[in-house]
Amino acid sequence: MTVANRAPKAAMVIAQQIIRDTLRQGLTAGDLLPPEKAMLEKYQIGRGTLREALRLLEFQGVIALKPGPKGGPVLLDPDASHLASTVILLMQLKNAPFKAIAEARVAMEPMISRLAAERISDESLVQLGGTIDTMRESLDDQYVFLEANKQFHDIIAWSSGNPLFGYIVDSLLGIMDGTIIGIDYPAPRRSAIITAHQSIYDSLLVRDPDLSQDRMAKHINEYVRYAERKFPDVMGSVIQWDRAL
């Protein structure tokens, strides 16, 4: 039997069934899953298989195991960190350089901004404007500045209305600025980023898809040109899995 045709492990099958049942029951983040005894009876499996299934879900960030007599598996609202870890690992195994991430941004984010112009909520627009205010107030604090920068792109990605775009961009936000491998942003560059963000925000505020797409494309391409001009060696380097997260 080839690997491609091998039947899935029992624990994986049970993990998938737990998720189906969770969705069917309408459970949400913070809700407890049934106790171990109930799941053993329901799925007719051994304790070892159930615990392996729960570990699989825990590794994916879907549940947390709450200790104590009233504890047990608690459903979470997964973030994108697990996806990011997998993507970065796969990129390292393929010797894909940081430039590959920049190319992905060039391809995706203008279209994401276009969709956001059509779908962004008033609440998200307020949050988006807040990130620009934070960046202006933190021009001399690169850490706070770049955190606000990530939030700006994160809000736009999720405002596209497409969860896949949200997760993909969210999963890469921690490495997109390149600081983990040596890219730096002096004050003049930070000021230019604020100007670009303000122009994108203005286009989203008037809900103009064409303008939003064009301004995001200009912003991301300026970022790529800056990185390639100032940090060509970094753009060609492979991000190491153990440094990225």
Protein backbone atom coordinates (compact mmCIF):
# COMPACT_ATOMS: atom_id res chain seq x y z
CA MET A 1 0.00 0.00 0.00
CA THR A 2 1.38 3.43 -0.91
CA VAL A 3 1.51 6.35 1.51
CA ALA A 4 -1.10 8.21 -0.53
CA ASN A 5 -3.61 5.38 -0.09
CA ARG A 6 -2.93 4.69 3.59
CA ALA A 7 -5.99 4.98 5.79
CA PRO A 8 -5.91 7.89 8.25
CA LYS A 9 -4.93 7.12 11.82
CA ALA A 10 -7.77 6.40 14.23
CA ALA A 11 -6.88 9.45 16.33
CA MET A 12 -7.16 11.74 13.29
CA VAL A 13 -10.55 10.28 12.39
CA ILE A 14 -11.77 10.90 15.94
CA ALA A 15 -10.37 14.44 15.95
CA GLN A 16 -12.28 15.17 12.74
CA GLN A 17 -15.45 13.68 14.23
CA ILE A 18 -15.08 15.81 17.36
CA ILE A 19 -14.90 18.94 15.20
CA ARG A 20 -17.96 17.89 13.18
CA ASP A 21 -19.92 17.25 16.37
CA THR A 22 -18.74 20.55 17.88
CA LEU A 23 -20.03 22.48 14.87
CA ARG A 24 -23.25 20.50 14.81
CA GLN A 25 -23.88 21.33 18.47
CA GLY A 26 -23.19 25.01 17.94
CA LEU A 27 -20.39 25.20 20.51
CA THR A 28 -18.29 28.36 20.52
CA ALA A 29 -14.96 29.51 21.95
CA GLY A 30 -14.87 29.04 25.71
CA ASP A 31 -17.30 26.11 25.76
CA LEU A 32 -16.22 22.83 27.32
CA LEU A 33 -16.28 19.68 25.22
CA PRO A 34 -17.92 16.59 26.74
CA PRO A 35 -15.91 14.86 29.51
CA GLU A 36 -13.55 12.02 28.66
CA LYS A 37 -15.93 9.30 29.85
CA ALA A 38 -18.74 10.59 27.64
CA MET A 39 -16.50 10.77 24.56
CA LEU A 40 -15.11 7.28 25.16
CA GLU A 41 -18.66 5.91 25.21
CA LYS A 42 -19.80 8.00 22.26
CA TYR A 43 -16.94 7.17 19.92
CA GLN A 44 -16.34 3.62 21.21
CA ILE A 45 -12.57 4.01 21.38
CA GLY A 46 -9.77 3.49 23.86
CA ARG A 47 -8.48 6.21 26.17
CA GLY A 48 -5.14 6.35 24.34
CA THR A 49 -6.79 7.05 20.99
CA LEU A 50 -9.00 9.77 22.46
CA ARG A 51 -6.12 11.49 24.18
CA GLU A 52 -4.07 11.41 20.98
CA ALA A 53 -7.01 12.95 19.11
CA LEU A 54 -7.26 15.71 21.72
CA ARG A 55 -3.52 16.35 21.49
CA LEU A 56 -3.89 16.74 17.72
CA LEU A 57 -6.59 19.36 18.25
CA GLU A 58 -4.52 21.07 20.94
CA PHE A 59 -1.52 21.22 18.61
CA GLN A 60 -3.69 22.89 15.98
CA GLY A 61 -4.81 25.49 18.51
CA VAL A 62 -8.44 24.33 18.40
CA ILE A 63 -8.70 23.36 22.07
CA ALA A 64 -6.91 23.89 25.36
CA LEU A 65 -6.86 21.29 28.10
CA LYS A 66 -8.19 22.99 31.24
CA PRO A 67 -6.89 21.36 34.45
CA GLY A 68 -8.90 20.66 37.58
CA PRO A 69 -12.01 18.69 38.55
CA LYS A 70 -14.24 20.93 36.43
CA GLY A 71 -11.72 21.12 33.61
CA GLY A 72 -11.35 19.29 30.35
CA PRO A 73 -11.04 20.24 26.69
CA VAL A 74 -12.04 23.88 26.11
CA LEU A 75 -12.87 25.09 22.61
CA LEU A 76 -10.70 27.99 21.39
CA ASP A 77 -10.94 30.54 18.61
CA PRO A 78 -7.75 29.52 16.77
CA ASP A 79 -5.29 32.17 15.68
CA ALA A 80 -3.03 31.83 12.67
CA SER A 81 0.20 31.05 14.51
CA HIS A 82 -0.02 27.33 13.78
CA LEU A 83 -0.53 28.02 10.08
CA ALA A 84 2.42 30.42 10.14
CA SER A 85 4.65 27.80 11.73
CA THR A 86 3.76 25.25 9.06
CA VAL A 87 4.19 27.70 6.18
CA ILE A 88 7.59 28.88 7.39
CA LEU A 89 8.77 25.31 7.94
CA LEU A 90 7.73 24.34 4.42
CA MET A 91 9.42 27.42 2.99
CA GLN A 92 12.65 26.56 4.77
CA LEU A 93 12.54 22.99 3.46
CA LYS A 94 12.16 24.41 -0.06
CA ASN A 95 14.92 26.99 0.54
CA ALA A 96 12.44 29.73 -0.31
CA PRO A 97 13.91 33.19 0.41
CA PHE A 98 12.24 36.08 2.19
CA LYS A 99 11.60 37.58 -1.24
CA ALA A 100 8.94 34.88 -1.75
CA ILE A 101 6.90 36.45 1.04
CA ALA A 102 7.28 39.86 -0.54
CA GLU A 103 6.04 38.45 -3.85
CA ALA A 104 3.03 36.95 -2.10
CA ARG A 105 2.22 40.34 -0.61
CA VAL A 106 2.46 42.02 -4.02
CA ALA A 107 0.05 39.45 -5.46
CA MET A 108 -2.48 39.30 -2.64
CA GLU A 109 -2.76 42.52 -0.71
CA PRO A 110 -3.98 44.85 -3.49
CA MET A 111 -6.89 42.49 -4.22
CA ILE A 112 -7.56 42.12 -0.49
CA SER A 113 -7.71 45.91 -0.19
CA ARG A 114 -10.12 46.03 -3.11
CA LEU A 115 -12.46 43.58 -1.43
CA ALA A 116 -12.16 45.42 1.88
CA ALA A 117 -13.30 48.65 0.23
CA GLU A 118 -16.56 46.91 -0.63
CA ARG A 119 -17.03 45.07 2.67
CA ILE A 120 -15.29 46.83 5.56
CA SER A 121 -17.50 47.76 8.51
CA ASP A 122 -17.68 51.17 10.14
CA GLU A 123 -16.25 49.63 13.32
CA SER A 124 -13.24 48.26 11.46
CA LEU A 125 -12.67 51.64 9.83
CA VAL A 126 -12.48 53.20 13.28
CA GLN A 127 -9.98 50.53 14.37
CA LEU A 128 -7.98 51.07 11.19
CA GLY A 129 -7.77 54.80 11.81
CA GLY A 130 -6.63 54.04 15.35
CA THR A 131 -3.62 52.09 14.07
CA ILE A 132 -2.50 55.13 12.08
CA ASP A 133 -2.84 57.34 15.16
CA THR A 134 -0.71 54.87 17.12
CA MET A 135 1.93 54.84 14.41
CA ARG A 136 2.12 58.63 14.43
CA GLU A 137 2.40 58.69 18.22
CA SER A 138 5.07 55.96 18.18
CA LEU A 139 7.28 57.16 15.37
CA ASP A 140 10.34 56.85 17.61
CA ASP A 141 9.39 53.43 18.99
CA GLN A 142 9.96 50.87 16.25
CA TYR A 143 8.40 47.98 18.19
CA VAL A 144 5.09 49.75 18.86
CA PHE A 145 5.15 51.25 15.38
CA LEU A 146 5.52 47.87 13.66
CA GLU A 147 2.87 46.26 15.87
CA ALA A 148 0.42 48.94 14.74
CA ASN A 149 1.57 48.39 11.16
CA LYS A 150 0.72 44.69 11.46
CA GLN A 151 -2.69 45.53 12.91
CA PHE A 152 -3.38 47.82 9.95
CA HIS A 153 -2.79 45.05 7.42
CA ASP A 154 -4.55 42.49 9.62
CA ILE A 155 -7.73 44.56 9.85
CA ILE A 156 -7.82 45.05 6.08
CA ALA A 157 -7.26 41.33 5.43
CA TRP A 158 -10.11 40.25 7.70
CA SER A 159 -12.31 43.05 6.33
CA SER A 160 -12.04 41.46 2.87
CA GLY A 161 -14.80 39.14 4.04
CA ASN A 162 -12.73 36.13 2.99
CA PRO A 163 -11.47 34.16 6.01
CA LEU A 164 -8.76 32.49 3.92
CA PHE A 165 -7.19 35.87 3.13
CA GLY A 166 -7.50 36.77 6.78
CA TYR A 167 -5.69 33.66 7.97
CA ILE A 168 -2.99 33.81 5.30
CA VAL A 169 -2.09 37.44 5.95
CA ASP A 170 -2.46 37.00 9.70
CA SER A 171 -0.20 33.96 9.63
CA LEU A 172 2.58 35.94 7.95
CA LEU A 173 2.27 39.25 9.77
CA GLY A 174 4.92 38.26 12.28
CA ILE A 175 7.58 37.93 9.58
CA MET A 176 6.37 40.30 6.87
CA ASP A 177 8.26 43.30 8.23
CA GLY A 178 11.50 41.33 8.02
CA THR A 179 12.94 42.57 11.32
CA ILE A 180 13.60 39.01 12.47
CA ILE A 181 16.18 38.65 9.72
CA GLY A 182 17.65 42.13 9.70
CA ILE A 183 15.43 44.62 7.84
CA ASP A 184 15.35 47.97 9.62
CA TYR A 185 12.99 50.93 9.31
CA PRO A 186 14.57 54.34 10.06
CA ALA A 187 12.37 57.32 10.87
CA PRO A 188 12.06 58.59 7.26
CA ARG A 189 10.85 55.17 6.13
CA ARG A 190 8.34 55.02 8.97
CA SER A 191 7.00 58.43 7.98
CA ALA A 192 6.57 57.18 4.41
CA ILE A 193 4.65 54.15 5.70
CA ILE A 194 2.29 56.41 7.67
CA THR A 195 1.64 58.49 4.54
CA ALA A 196 0.87 55.32 2.55
CA HIS A 197 -1.43 53.96 5.25
CA GLN A 198 -3.31 57.23 5.42
CA SER A 199 -3.88 57.18 1.65
CA ILE A 200 -5.13 53.58 1.80
CA TYR A 201 -7.38 54.42 4.73
CA ASP A 202 -8.84 57.41 2.85
CA SER A 203 -9.68 55.19 -0.13
CA LEU A 204 -11.37 52.64 2.15
CA LEU A 205 -13.26 55.40 3.91
CA VAL A 206 -14.92 56.41 0.62
CA ARG A 207 -15.26 52.71 -0.29
CA ASP A 208 -13.49 53.03 -3.64
CA PRO A 209 -12.30 49.54 -4.73
CA ASP A 210 -10.13 50.71 -7.63
CA LEU A 211 -8.40 53.38 -5.57
CA SER A 212 -7.89 51.03 -2.62
CA GLN A 213 -6.34 48.41 -4.86
CA ASP A 214 -4.04 50.90 -6.57
CA ARG A 215 -2.87 52.52 -3.35
CA MET A 216 -2.17 49.21 -1.64
CA ALA A 217 -0.26 48.02 -4.71
CA LYS A 218 1.83 51.20 -4.63
CA HIS A 219 2.49 50.77 -0.91
CA ILE A 220 3.58 47.13 -1.13
CA ASN A 221 5.74 47.73 -4.20
CA GLU A 222 7.46 50.63 -2.44
CA TYR A 223 8.18 48.29 0.47
CA VAL A 224 9.69 45.69 -1.88
CA ARG A 225 11.84 48.27 -3.65
CA TYR A 226 13.07 49.62 -0.33
CA ALA A 227 13.96 46.15 0.98
CA GLU A 228 15.67 45.11 -2.26
CA ARG A 229 17.70 48.34 -2.39
CA LYS A 230 18.74 48.47 1.27
CA PHE A 231 18.79 44.78 2.24
CA PRO A 232 19.45 42.66 -0.87
CA ASP A 233 21.18 39.93 1.14
CA VAL A 234 18.24 39.66 3.52
CA MET A 235 15.75 39.40 0.67
CA GLY A 236 17.70 36.44 -0.66
CA SER A 237 18.03 34.68 2.69
CA VAL A 238 15.90 31.77 3.87
CA ILE A 239 13.85 32.35 7.00
CA GLN A 240 14.72 29.75 9.59
CA TRP A 241 11.79 28.02 11.26
CA ASP A 242 13.28 28.37 14.73
CA ARG A 243 13.80 32.14 14.31
CA ALA A 244 10.41 33.01 12.90
CA LEU A 245 8.07 32.15 15.76
